PDB file of N, CA and C in Angstrom:
ATOM      1  N   MET A   1     116.247 115.663 114.308  1.00  0.00           N
ATOM      2  CA  MET A   1     117.839 114.902 114.312  1.00  0.00           C
ATOM      3  C   MET A   1     118.907 116.496 113.605  1.00  0.00           C
ATOM      4  N   VAL A   2     119.487 117.858 114.805  1.00  0.00           N
ATOM      5  CA  VAL A   2     120.109 118.424 114.473  1.00  0.00           C
ATOM      6  C   VAL A   2     121.433 118.007 113.464  1.00  0.00           C
ATOM      7  N   GLN A   3     121.795 118.629 112.809  1.00  0.00           N
ATOM      8  CA  GLN A   3     122.781 118.679 111.896  1.00  0.00           C
ATOM      9  C   GLN A   3     124.206 118.397 111.886  1.00  0.00           C
ATOM     10  N   TRP A   4     124.421 119.885 113.240  1.00  0.00           N
ATOM     11  CA  TRP A   4     125.278 119.598 113.074  1.00  0.00           C
ATOM     12  C   TRP A   4     125.833 118.690 114.729  1.00  0.00           C
ATOM     13  N   GLN A   5     124.989 117.619 114.921  1.00  0.00           N
ATOM     14  CA  GLN A   5     125.109 116.593 116.267  1.00  0.00           C
ATOM     15  C   GLN A   5     125.554 115.277 115.047  1.00  0.00           C
ATOM     16  N   LEU A   6     125.582 115.288 114.227  1.00  0.00           N
ATOM     17  CA  LEU A   6     126.094 114.464 113.404  1.00  0.00           C
ATOM     18  C   LEU A   6     127.343 113.696 113.281  1.00  0.00           C
ATOM     19  N   GLY A   7     128.208 115.065 112.860  1.00  0.00           N
ATOM     20  CA  GLY A   7     129.093 115.325 113.102  1.00  0.00           C
ATOM     21  C   GLY A   7     130.369 114.896 114.047  1.00  0.00           C
ATOM     22  N   THR A   8     129.670 114.947 114.978  1.00  0.00           N
ATOM     23  CA  THR A   8     129.971 114.689 116.890  1.00  0.00           C
ATOM     24  C   THR A   8     129.398 113.087 117.642  1.00  0.00           C
ATOM     25  N   LEU A   9     129.799 112.600 118.279  1.00  0.00           N
ATOM     26  CA  LEU A   9     129.371 111.919 119.056  1.00  0.00           C
ATOM     27  C   LEU A   9     129.036 111.762 119.890  1.00  0.00           C
ATOM     28  N   GLU A  10     128.090 113.068 120.544  1.00  0.00           N
ATOM     29  CA  GLU A  10     127.289 113.333 121.433  1.00  0.00           C
ATOM     30  C   GLU A  10     125.827 112.698 121.000  1.00  0.00           C
ATOM     31  N   LEU A  11     125.077 112.803 121.955  1.00  0.00           N
ATOM     32  CA  LEU A  11     124.050 111.458 122.032  1.00  0.00           C
ATOM     33  C   LEU A  11     123.796 110.242 121.226  1.00  0.00           C
ATOM     34  N   LEU A  12     124.861 110.119 121.589  1.00  0.00           N
ATOM     35  CA  LEU A  12     124.770 108.432 121.886  1.00  0.00           C
ATOM     36  C   LEU A  12     123.634 107.193 121.803  1.00  0.00           C
ATOM     37  N   GLU A  13     122.864 106.493 121.387  1.00  0.00           N
ATOM     38  CA  GLU A  13     122.213 105.457 121.846  1.00  0.00           C
ATOM     39  C   GLU A  13     122.529 103.934 121.615  1.00  0.00           C
ATOM     40  N   LEU A  14     122.580 103.315 122.271  1.00  0.00           N
ATOM     41  CA  LEU A  14     122.928 101.631 122.770  1.00  0.00           C
ATOM     42  C   LEU A  14     121.523 100.642 122.848  1.00  0.00           C
ATOM     43  N   ASP A  15     121.437 100.288 121.608  1.00  0.00           N
ATOM     44  CA  ASP A  15     120.670  99.187 121.489  1.00  0.00           C
ATOM     45  C   ASP A  15     120.487  97.863 122.570  1.00  0.00           C
ATOM     46  N   PRO A  16     119.383  96.952 122.349  1.00  0.00           N
ATOM     47  CA  PRO A  16     120.070  96.044 123.218  1.00  0.00           C
ATOM     48  C   PRO A  16     120.584  95.123 121.546  1.00  0.00           C
ATOM     49  N   ASP A  17     120.689  95.378 120.636  1.00  0.00           N
ATOM     50  CA  ASP A  17     120.976  93.874 119.777  1.00  0.00           C
ATOM     51  C   ASP A  17     122.552  94.665 119.242  1.00  0.00           C
ATOM     52  N   GLY A  18     123.263  95.839 119.877  1.00  0.00           N
ATOM     53  CA  GLY A  18     124.453  96.212 119.981  1.00  0.00           C
ATOM     54  C   GLY A  18     124.495  97.355 118.975  1.00  0.00           C
ATOM     55  N   TYR A  19     123.272  97.782 118.330  1.00  0.00           N
ATOM     56  CA  TYR A  19     123.318  98.797 117.575  1.00  0.00           C
ATOM     57  C   TYR A  19     123.721  99.999 118.019  1.00  0.00           C
ATOM     58  N   LEU A  20     124.877 101.230 117.935  1.00  0.00           N
ATOM     59  CA  LEU A  20     125.131 101.981 118.270  1.00  0.00           C
ATOM     60  C   LEU A  20     124.864 103.248 117.468  1.00  0.00           C
ATOM     61  N   SER A  21     124.183 104.291 118.235  1.00  0.00           N
ATOM     62  CA  SER A  21     123.470 104.942 116.705  1.00  0.00           C
ATOM     63  C   SER A  21     122.973 106.365 117.275  1.00  0.00           C
ATOM     64  N   LYS A  22     122.934 107.128 116.688  1.00  0.00           N
ATOM     65  CA  LYS A  22     122.238 108.913 116.893  1.00  0.00           C
ATOM     66  C   LYS A  22     121.082 109.026 116.591  1.00  0.00           C
ATOM     67  N   GLY A  23     120.045 107.732 117.119  1.00  0.00           N
ATOM     68  CA  GLY A  23     118.635 107.767 117.089  1.00  0.00           C
ATOM     69  C   GLY A  23     118.225 107.420 115.474  1.00  0.00           C
ATOM     70  N   CYS A  24     116.515 107.911 115.953  1.00  0.00           N
ATOM     71  CA  CYS A  24     115.770 107.534 114.458  1.00  0.00           C
ATOM     72  C   CYS A  24     116.303 106.408 113.861  1.00  0.00           C
ATOM     73  N   GLY A  25     117.088 105.193 113.357  1.00  0.00           N
ATOM     74  CA  GLY A  25     117.244 104.147 113.229  1.00  0.00           C
ATOM     75  C   GLY A  25     117.987 103.925 112.517  1.00  0.00           C
ATOM     76  N   ILE A  26     119.549 105.308 112.777  1.00  0.00           N
ATOM     77  CA  ILE A  26     120.864 105.167 111.938  1.00  0.00           C
ATOM     78  C   ILE A  26     121.735 104.719 112.691  1.00  0.00           C
ATOM     79  N   ALA A  27     122.497 103.596 112.086  1.00  0.00           N
ATOM     80  CA  ALA A  27     123.640 102.489 113.263  1.00  0.00           C
ATOM     81  C   ALA A  27     124.453 103.353 112.777  1.00  0.00           C
ATOM     82  N   ILE A  28     125.988 103.357 113.708  1.00  0.00           N
ATOM     83  CA  ILE A  28     127.015 104.142 113.216  1.00  0.00           C
ATOM     84  C   ILE A  28     127.356 102.109 112.914  1.00  0.00           C
ATOM     85  N   ALA A  29     127.799 102.059 113.582  1.00  0.00           N
ATOM     86  CA  ALA A  29     128.190 100.426 113.800  1.00  0.00           C
ATOM     87  C   ALA A  29     127.279  99.417 114.645  1.00  0.00           C
ATOM     88  N   ASN A  30     128.003  98.570 115.112  1.00  0.00           N
ATOM     89  CA  ASN A  30     126.852  97.242 115.885  1.00  0.00           C
ATOM     90  C   ASN A  30     128.725  97.097 117.155  1.00  0.00           C
ATOM     91  N   ILE A  31     128.391  97.093 118.077  1.00  0.00           N
ATOM     92  CA  ILE A  31     129.691  96.845 118.903  1.00  0.00           C
ATOM     93  C   ILE A  31     130.023  95.710 119.054  1.00  0.00           C
ATOM     94  N   ARG A  32     129.017  94.302 119.017  1.00  0.00           N
ATOM     95  CA  ARG A  32     129.107  92.878 118.896  1.00  0.00           C
ATOM     96  C   ARG A  32     129.986  92.696 117.722  1.00  0.00           C
ATOM     97  N   GLN A  33     130.212  93.799 116.348  1.00  0.00           N
ATOM     98  CA  GLN A  33     130.910  93.147 115.796  1.00  0.00           C
ATOM     99  C   GLN A  33     132.392  93.812 115.571  1.00  0.00           C
ATOM    100  N   THR A  34     132.469  94.986 115.892  1.00  0.00           N
ATOM    101  CA  THR A  34     133.371  96.106 116.068  1.00  0.00           C
ATOM    102  C   THR A  34     133.408  96.319 117.395  1.00  0.00           C
ATOM    103  N   PRO A  35     134.846  96.583 118.191  1.00  0.00           N
ATOM    104  CA  PRO A  35     135.116  97.161 119.497  1.00  0.00           C
ATOM    105  C   PRO A  35     134.324  98.673 119.880  1.00  0.00           C
ATOM    106  N   VAL A  36     133.746  98.451 120.767  1.00  0.00           N
ATOM    107  CA  VAL A  36     132.966 100.166 121.051  1.00  0.00           C
ATOM    108  C   VAL A  36     134.438 100.709 120.597  1.00  0.00           C
ATOM    109  N   ASP A  37     135.727 100.827 121.348  1.00  0.00           N
ATOM    110  CA  ASP A  37     136.802 101.863 121.191  1.00  0.00           C
ATOM    111  C   ASP A  37     137.184 102.180 120.319  1.00  0.00           C
ATOM    112  N   THR A  38     137.107 101.219 119.382  1.00  0.00           N
ATOM    113  CA  THR A  38     137.261 101.338 117.657  1.00  0.00           C
ATOM    114  C   THR A  38     135.957 102.153 116.931  1.00  0.00           C
ATOM    115  N   VAL A  39     135.339 101.945 117.086  1.00  0.00           N
ATOM    116  CA  VAL A  39     134.142 102.622 116.252  1.00  0.00           C
ATOM    117  C   VAL A  39     133.854 104.060 116.662  1.00  0.00           C
ATOM    118  N   LEU A  40     134.636 104.250 118.484  1.00  0.00           N
ATOM    119  CA  LEU A  40     134.334 106.138 118.863  1.00  0.00           C
ATOM    120  C   LEU A  40     136.053 106.688 118.137  1.00  0.00           C
ATOM    121  N   ALA A  41     136.840 105.913 118.134  1.00  0.00           N
ATOM    122  CA  ALA A  41     138.181 106.259 117.406  1.00  0.00           C
ATOM    123  C   ALA A  41     137.999 106.703 115.695  1.00  0.00           C
ATOM    124  N   THR A  42     137.388 106.051 115.360  1.00  0.00           N
ATOM    125  CA  THR A  42     137.335 106.393 114.338  1.00  0.00           C
ATOM    126  C   THR A  42     136.271 106.890 113.291  1.00  0.00           C
ATOM    127  N   TYR A  43     134.976 107.316 114.155  1.00  0.00           N
ATOM    128  CA  TYR A  43     133.762 108.208 113.800  1.00  0.00           C
ATOM    129  C   TYR A  43     133.952 109.297 112.668  1.00  0.00           C
ATOM    130  N   ASP A  44     133.638 109.132 111.703  1.00  0.00           N
ATOM    131  CA  ASP A  44     134.062 110.390 110.696  1.00  0.00           C
ATOM    132  C   ASP A  44     132.044 110.069 109.803  1.00  0.00           C
ATOM    133  N   ALA A  45     131.432 111.229 110.427  1.00  0.00           N
ATOM    134  CA  ALA A  45     130.025 111.456 109.923  1.00  0.00           C
ATOM    135  C   ALA A  45     130.105 111.006 107.936  1.00  0.00           C
ATOM    136  N   THR A  46     131.587 112.299 107.749  1.00  0.00           N
ATOM    137  CA  THR A  46     131.928 112.165 105.939  1.00  0.00           C
ATOM    138  C   THR A  46     131.511 111.310 105.763  1.00  0.00           C
ATOM    139  N   GLN A  47     132.260 110.534 106.459  1.00  0.00           N
ATOM    140  CA  GLN A  47     132.544 108.743 105.412  1.00  0.00           C
ATOM    141  C   GLN A  47     131.194 107.218 105.500  1.00  0.00           C
ATOM    142  N   HIS A  48     130.281 108.297 107.113  1.00  0.00           N
ATOM    143  CA  HIS A  48     128.650 107.318 106.920  1.00  0.00           C
ATOM    144  C   HIS A  48     128.148 107.418 105.129  1.00  0.00           C
ATOM    145  N   PRO A  49     127.800 106.303 105.334  1.00  0.00           N
ATOM    146  CA  PRO A  49     126.890 106.408 103.767  1.00  0.00           C
ATOM    147  C   PRO A  49     125.579 107.314 104.314  1.00  0.00           C
ATOM    148  N   ILE A  50     125.145 107.433 105.390  1.00  0.00           N
ATOM    149  CA  ILE A  50     123.674 108.217 105.508  1.00  0.00           C
ATOM    150  C   ILE A  50     123.966 109.061 106.397  1.00  0.00           C
ATOM    151  N   PHE A  51     124.430 109.130 107.175  1.00  0.00           N
ATOM    152  CA  PHE A  51     125.217 110.947 107.817  1.00  0.00           C
ATOM    153  C   PHE A  51     125.649 111.596 107.107  1.00  0.00           C
ATOM    154  N   SER A  52     126.347 111.220 105.667  1.00  0.00           N
ATOM    155  CA  SER A  52     127.535 112.053 104.795  1.00  0.00           C
ATOM    156  C   SER A  52     126.381 112.635 104.432  1.00  0.00           C
ATOM    157  N   THR A  53     125.495 111.771 103.753  1.00  0.00           N
ATOM    158  CA  THR A  53     124.439 112.886 102.675  1.00  0.00           C
ATOM    159  C   THR A  53     123.061 113.508 103.999  1.00  0.00           C
ATOM    160  N   LEU A  54     123.168 112.899 104.845  1.00  0.00           N
ATOM    161  CA  LEU A  54     121.911 114.390 105.581  1.00  0.00           C
ATOM    162  C   LEU A  54     123.153 115.575 105.255  1.00  0.00           C
ATOM    163  N   LEU A  55     124.339 115.381 105.729  1.00  0.00           N
ATOM    164  CA  LEU A  55     124.898 116.408 106.210  1.00  0.00           C
ATOM    165  C   LEU A  55     124.977 117.506 105.068  1.00  0.00           C
ATOM    166  N   GLU A  56     125.276 117.080 104.012  1.00  0.00           N
ATOM    167  CA  GLU A  56     125.900 117.466 102.560  1.00  0.00           C
ATOM    168  C   GLU A  56     123.677 118.042 102.046  1.00  0.00           C
ATOM    169  N   THR A  57     123.233 117.891 101.699  1.00  0.00           N
ATOM    170  CA  THR A  57     121.896 117.539 101.238  1.00  0.00           C
ATOM    171  C   THR A  57     120.987 117.466 102.264  1.00  0.00           C
ATOM    172  N   GLY A  58     120.514 117.387 103.248  1.00  0.00           N
ATOM    173  CA  GLY A  58     119.686 116.739 103.679  1.00  0.00           C
ATOM    174  C   GLY A  58     118.906 115.592 103.985  1.00  0.00           C
ATOM    175  N   PRO A  59     117.823 115.504 104.166  1.00  0.00           N
ATOM    176  CA  PRO A  59     116.469 114.744 103.833  1.00  0.00           C
ATOM    177  C   PRO A  59     116.430 114.551 102.835  1.00  0.00           C
ATOM    178  N   LEU A  60     116.204 115.376 101.625  1.00  0.00           N
ATOM    179  CA  LEU A  60     115.855 115.681 100.419  1.00  0.00           C
ATOM    180  C   LEU A  60     117.268 115.316  99.662  1.00  0.00           C
ATOM    181  N   GLY A  61     118.095 115.362  99.954  1.00  0.00           N
ATOM    182  CA  GLY A  61     119.173 114.105  99.725  1.00  0.00           C
ATOM    183  C   GLY A  61     119.209 113.130  99.433  1.00  0.00           C
ATOM    184  N   LEU A  62     118.581 112.337 100.398  1.00  0.00           N
ATOM    185  CA  LEU A  62     118.128 110.991 100.387  1.00  0.00           C
ATOM    186  C   LEU A  62     116.683 110.111 100.241  1.00  0.00           C
ATOM    187  N   ALA A  63     116.235 111.061  99.573  1.00  0.00           N
ATOM    188  CA  ALA A  63     114.636 111.104  99.341  1.00  0.00           C
ATOM    189  C   ALA A  63     115.455 111.158  97.143  1.00  0.00           C
ATOM    190  N   ARG A  64     116.480 111.620  97.520  1.00  0.00           N
ATOM    191  CA  ARG A  64     116.637 111.767  95.985  1.00  0.00           C
ATOM    192  C   ARG A  64     117.159 110.485  95.393  1.00  0.00           C
ATOM    193  N   GLU A  65     117.688 109.646  96.376  1.00  0.00           N
ATOM    194  CA  GLU A  65     118.346 108.593  96.135  1.00  0.00           C
ATOM    195  C   GLU A  65     117.438 107.421  96.358  1.00  0.00           C
ATOM    196  N   ALA A  66     116.539 107.598  97.188  1.00  0.00           N
ATOM    197  CA  ALA A  66     115.349 106.634  97.316  1.00  0.00           C
ATOM    198  C   ALA A  66     114.556 106.794  95.712  1.00  0.00           C
ATOM    199  N   GLU A  67     114.839 107.420  94.928  1.00  0.00           N
ATOM    200  CA  GLU A  67     113.790 107.747  94.275  1.00  0.00           C
ATOM    201  C   GLU A  67     114.476 106.695  93.334  1.00  0.00           C
ATOM    202  N   ALA A  68     115.475 106.285  92.964  1.00  0.00           N
ATOM    203  CA  ALA A  68     116.446 105.257  92.143  1.00  0.00           C
ATOM    204  C   ALA A  68     115.342 103.977  92.216  1.00  0.00           C
ATOM    205  N   PHE A  69     114.989 103.553  93.734  1.00  0.00           N
ATOM    206  CA  PHE A  69     114.407 102.656  93.689  1.00  0.00           C
ATOM    207  C   PHE A  69     112.644 103.294  94.375  1.00  0.00           C
ATOM    208  N   GLY A  70     112.364 103.505  93.571  1.00  0.00           N
ATOM    209  CA  GLY A  70     110.826 103.983  93.041  1.00  0.00           C
ATOM    210  C   GLY A  70     110.219 104.951  93.837  1.00  0.00           C
ATOM    211  N   TYR A  71     111.351 105.074  94.758  1.00  0.00           N
ATOM    212  CA  TYR A  71     110.323 106.800  95.605  1.00  0.00           C
ATOM    213  C   TYR A  71     110.375 107.982  94.894  1.00  0.00           C
ATOM    214  N   VAL A  72     108.858 108.003  94.950  1.00  0.00           N
ATOM    215  CA  VAL A  72     108.221 109.276  94.005  1.00  0.00           C
ATOM    216  C   VAL A  72     107.913 110.470  95.816  1.00  0.00           C
ATOM    217  N   LEU A  73     108.476 111.615  95.209  1.00  0.00           N
ATOM    218  CA  LEU A  73     108.716 112.843  95.986  1.00  0.00           C
ATOM    219  C   LEU A  73     106.969 113.175  96.300  1.00  0.00           C
ATOM    220  N   LYS A  74     106.697 113.793  97.659  1.00  0.00           N
ATOM    221  CA  LYS A  74     105.326 114.377  97.808  1.00  0.00           C
ATOM    222  C   LYS A  74     105.524 115.611  97.805  1.00  0.00           C
ATOM    223  N   ALA A  75     104.037 116.308  97.780  1.00  0.00           N
ATOM    224  CA  ALA A  75     103.986 117.256  97.730  1.00  0.00           C
ATOM    225  C   ALA A  75     104.124 118.211  99.235  1.00  0.00           C
ATOM    226  N   ASP A  76     103.592 117.556  99.840  1.00  0.00           N
ATOM    227  CA  ASP A  76     104.368 118.016 101.229  1.00  0.00           C
ATOM    228  C   ASP A  76     104.043 116.910 102.345  1.00  0.00           C
ATOM    229  N   TYR A  77     104.848 117.605 103.548  1.00  0.00           N
ATOM    230  CA  TYR A  77     105.460 116.446 104.447  1.00  0.00           C
ATOM    231  C   TYR A  77     105.123 116.787 106.300  1.00  0.00           C
ATOM    232  N   ALA A  78     105.024 116.198 106.878  1.00  0.00           N
ATOM    233  CA  ALA A  78     104.777 117.200 108.139  1.00  0.00           C
ATOM    234  C   ALA A  78     106.528 117.484 108.545  1.00  0.00           C
ATOM    235  N   ASP A  79     106.976 116.782 108.355  1.00  0.00           N
ATOM    236  CA  ASP A  79     108.598 117.539 108.291  1.00  0.00           C
ATOM    237  C   ASP A  79     109.429 116.954 108.053  1.00  0.00           C
ATOM    238  N   LYS A  80     110.462 117.269 108.607  1.00  0.00           N
ATOM    239  CA  LYS A  80     112.046 116.961 107.893  1.00  0.00           C
ATOM    240  C   LYS A  80     112.058 115.269 107.994  1.00  0.00           C
ATOM    241  N   CYS A  81     112.234 115.603 109.280  1.00  0.00           N
ATOM    242  CA  CYS A  81     111.860 114.190 109.999  1.00  0.00           C
ATOM    243  C   CYS A  81     110.942 112.880 108.871  1.00  0.00           C
ATOM    244  N   HIS A  82     109.901 113.778 108.550  1.00  0.00           N
ATOM    245  CA  HIS A  82     108.935 112.232 107.639  1.00  0.00           C
ATOM    246  C   HIS A  82     109.667 112.178 106.632  1.00  0.00           C
ATOM    247  N   LEU A  83     110.036 113.554 105.769  1.00  0.00           N
ATOM    248  CA  LEU A  83     110.603 112.780 104.750  1.00  0.00           C
ATOM    249  C   LEU A  83     112.124 111.425 104.835  1.00  0.00           C
ATOM    250  N   CYS A  84     112.533 111.706 105.546  1.00  0.00           N
ATOM    251  CA  CYS A  84     113.926 111.250 106.625  1.00  0.00           C
ATOM    252  C   CYS A  84     113.483 109.644 106.512  1.00  0.00           C
ATOM    253  N   GLN A  85     112.216 110.041 107.321  1.00  0.00           N
ATOM    254  CA  GLN A  85     111.561 108.443 107.467  1.00  0.00           C
ATOM    255  C   GLN A  85     111.221 107.774 106.542  1.00  0.00           C
ATOM    256  N   GLU A  86     110.515 107.818 105.279  1.00  0.00           N
ATOM    257  CA  GLU A  86     110.071 107.482 104.498  1.00  0.00           C
ATOM    258  C   GLU A  86     110.992 107.180 103.115  1.00  0.00           C
ATOM    259  N   ALA A  87     112.067 107.913 102.849  1.00  0.00           N
ATOM    260  CA  ALA A  87     113.289 107.787 101.797  1.00  0.00           C
ATOM    261  C   ALA A  87     113.765 106.465 103.179  1.00  0.00           C
ATOM    262  N   ARG A  88     114.546 106.866 103.993  1.00  0.00           N
ATOM    263  CA  ARG A  88     115.084 105.507 104.381  1.00  0.00           C
ATOM    264  C   ARG A  88     114.212 103.734 104.387  1.00  0.00           C
ATOM    265  N   GLN A  89     113.118 104.019 104.352  1.00  0.00           N
ATOM    266  CA  GLN A  89     112.088 102.646 104.621  1.00  0.00           C
ATOM    267  C   GLN A  89     112.238 102.787 103.367  1.00  0.00           C
ATOM    268  N   VAL A  90     113.076 103.056 101.985  1.00  0.00           N
ATOM    269  CA  VAL A  90     112.918 102.981 100.471  1.00  0.00           C
ATOM    270  C   VAL A  90     113.984 101.997 100.800  1.00  0.00           C
ATOM    271  N   LEU A  91     114.975 102.740 101.035  1.00  0.00           N
ATOM    272  CA  LEU A  91     116.668 102.862 101.241  1.00  0.00           C
ATOM    273  C   LEU A  91     116.994 101.087 101.806  1.00  0.00           C
ATOM    274  N   LEU A  92     116.348 100.580 102.846  1.00  0.00           N
ATOM    275  CA  LEU A  92     116.243  99.478 103.387  1.00  0.00           C
ATOM    276  C   LEU A  92     117.436  98.752 102.638  1.00  0.00           C
ATOM    277  N   SER A  93     116.981  98.254 101.223  1.00  0.00           N
ATOM    278  CA  SER A  93     117.943  96.783 100.999  1.00  0.00           C
ATOM    279  C   SER A  93     119.212  97.344 100.359  1.00  0.00           C
ATOM    280  N   LYS A  94     119.223  98.908 100.356  1.00  0.00           N
ATOM    281  CA  LYS A  94     120.526  99.437  99.811  1.00  0.00           C
ATOM    282  C   LYS A  94     121.497  99.209 101.189  1.00  0.00           C
ATOM    283  N   TYR A  95     121.294  99.628 102.358  1.00  0.00           N
ATOM    284  CA  TYR A  95     121.522  99.821 103.386  1.00  0.00           C
ATOM    285  C   TYR A  95     121.476  99.186 104.891  1.00  0.00           C
ATOM    286  N   PRO A  96     121.264  97.725 105.295  1.00  0.00           N
ATOM    287  CA  PRO A  96     121.018  96.870 105.912  1.00  0.00           C
ATOM    288  C   PRO A  96     122.016  97.150 106.991  1.00  0.00           C
ATOM    289  N   SER A  97     122.432  97.796 107.376  1.00  0.00           N
ATOM    290  CA  SER A  97     123.412  97.221 108.024  1.00  0.00           C
ATOM    291  C   SER A  97     123.844  98.660 108.551  1.00  0.00           C
ATOM    292  N   TYR A  98     123.184  99.955 108.410  1.00  0.00           N
ATOM    293  CA  TYR A  98     122.938 100.849 108.971  1.00  0.00           C
ATOM    294  C   TYR A  98     121.139 101.351 109.091  1.00  0.00           C
ATOM    295  N   LEU A  99     120.639 100.411 108.674  1.00  0.00           N
ATOM    296  CA  LEU A  99     119.217 101.427 109.307  1.00  0.00           C
ATOM    297  C   LEU A  99     118.795 100.085 109.985  1.00  0.00           C
ATOM    298  N   VAL A 100     118.625 100.321 111.243  1.00  0.00           N
ATOM    299  CA  VAL A 100     118.683  99.228 111.786  1.00  0.00           C
ATOM    300  C   VAL A 100     118.320  99.709 112.991  1.00  0.00           C
ATOM    301  N   PRO A 101     117.409  99.197 114.372  1.00  0.00           N
ATOM    302  CA  PRO A 101     116.853  98.630 114.422  1.00  0.00           C
ATOM    303  C   PRO A 101     115.878  97.939 113.873  1.00  0.00           C
ATOM    304  N   GLU A 102     115.484  96.932 113.201  1.00  0.00           N
ATOM    305  CA  GLU A 102     114.492  96.207 112.340  1.00  0.00           C
ATOM    306  C   GLU A 102     112.908  96.966 113.021  1.00  0.00           C
ATOM    307  N   GLN A 103     112.898  96.679 113.826  1.00  0.00           N
ATOM    308  CA  GLN A 103     111.682  96.805 115.227  1.00  0.00           C
ATOM    309  C   GLN A 103     111.611  98.683 114.481  1.00  0.00           C
ATOM    310  N   HIS A 104     112.333  99.463 114.069  1.00  0.00           N
ATOM    311  CA  HIS A 104     112.075 101.096 113.710  1.00  0.00           C
ATOM    312  C   HIS A 104     111.548 101.177 112.045  1.00  0.00           C
ATOM    313  N   TYR A 105     111.561 100.195 111.487  1.00  0.00           N
ATOM    314  CA  TYR A 105     111.374 100.526 109.762  1.00  0.00           C
ATOM    315  C   TYR A 105     110.223  99.209 110.082  1.00  0.00           C
ATOM    316  N   ARG A 106     109.682  98.465 111.254  1.00  0.00           N
ATOM    317  CA  ARG A 106     108.269  97.665 111.178  1.00  0.00           C
ATOM    318  C   ARG A 106     107.511  98.466 110.555  1.00  0.00           C
ATOM    319  N   LYS A 107     106.611  97.707 109.435  1.00  0.00           N
ATOM    320  CA  LYS A 107     104.649  98.758 109.395  1.00  0.00           C
ATOM    321  C   LYS A 107     104.470  97.697 110.406  1.00  0.00           C
ATOM    322  N   ASN A 108     103.656  98.541 110.222  1.00  0.00           N
ATOM    323  CA  ASN A 108     101.970  98.128 111.155  1.00  0.00           C
ATOM    324  C   ASN A 108     100.940  98.089 110.066  1.00  0.00           C
ATOM    325  N   ASP A 109     100.586  96.620 110.616  1.00  0.00           N
ATOM    326  CA  ASP A 109      99.705  96.048 109.256  1.00  0.00           C
ATOM    327  C   ASP A 109      98.378  96.104 109.959  1.00  0.00           C
TER     328      ASP A 109
END
């Protein structure tokens, strides 16, 4: 996900459960709980608990936040999306209404 896109309302996705997102399993809001016109009128990436971190410090910022939950940074990642996904997996309990849909975070057994 390109950082500048986080600050805009470009490339939005709507999933069957009503979550409006920028993809990657990070929701802006659920339009079943908040009217879509309200969500669009009030969207501010700098106030979003995850996008604000990504805009300011990138996936490494999320990983640093995840360290408080026991996450250990590795020496290598496939790419920045890999680091972001691992950090978000650890932060699920902190941001349950933003790190959705659930299927995005389900571990394969």
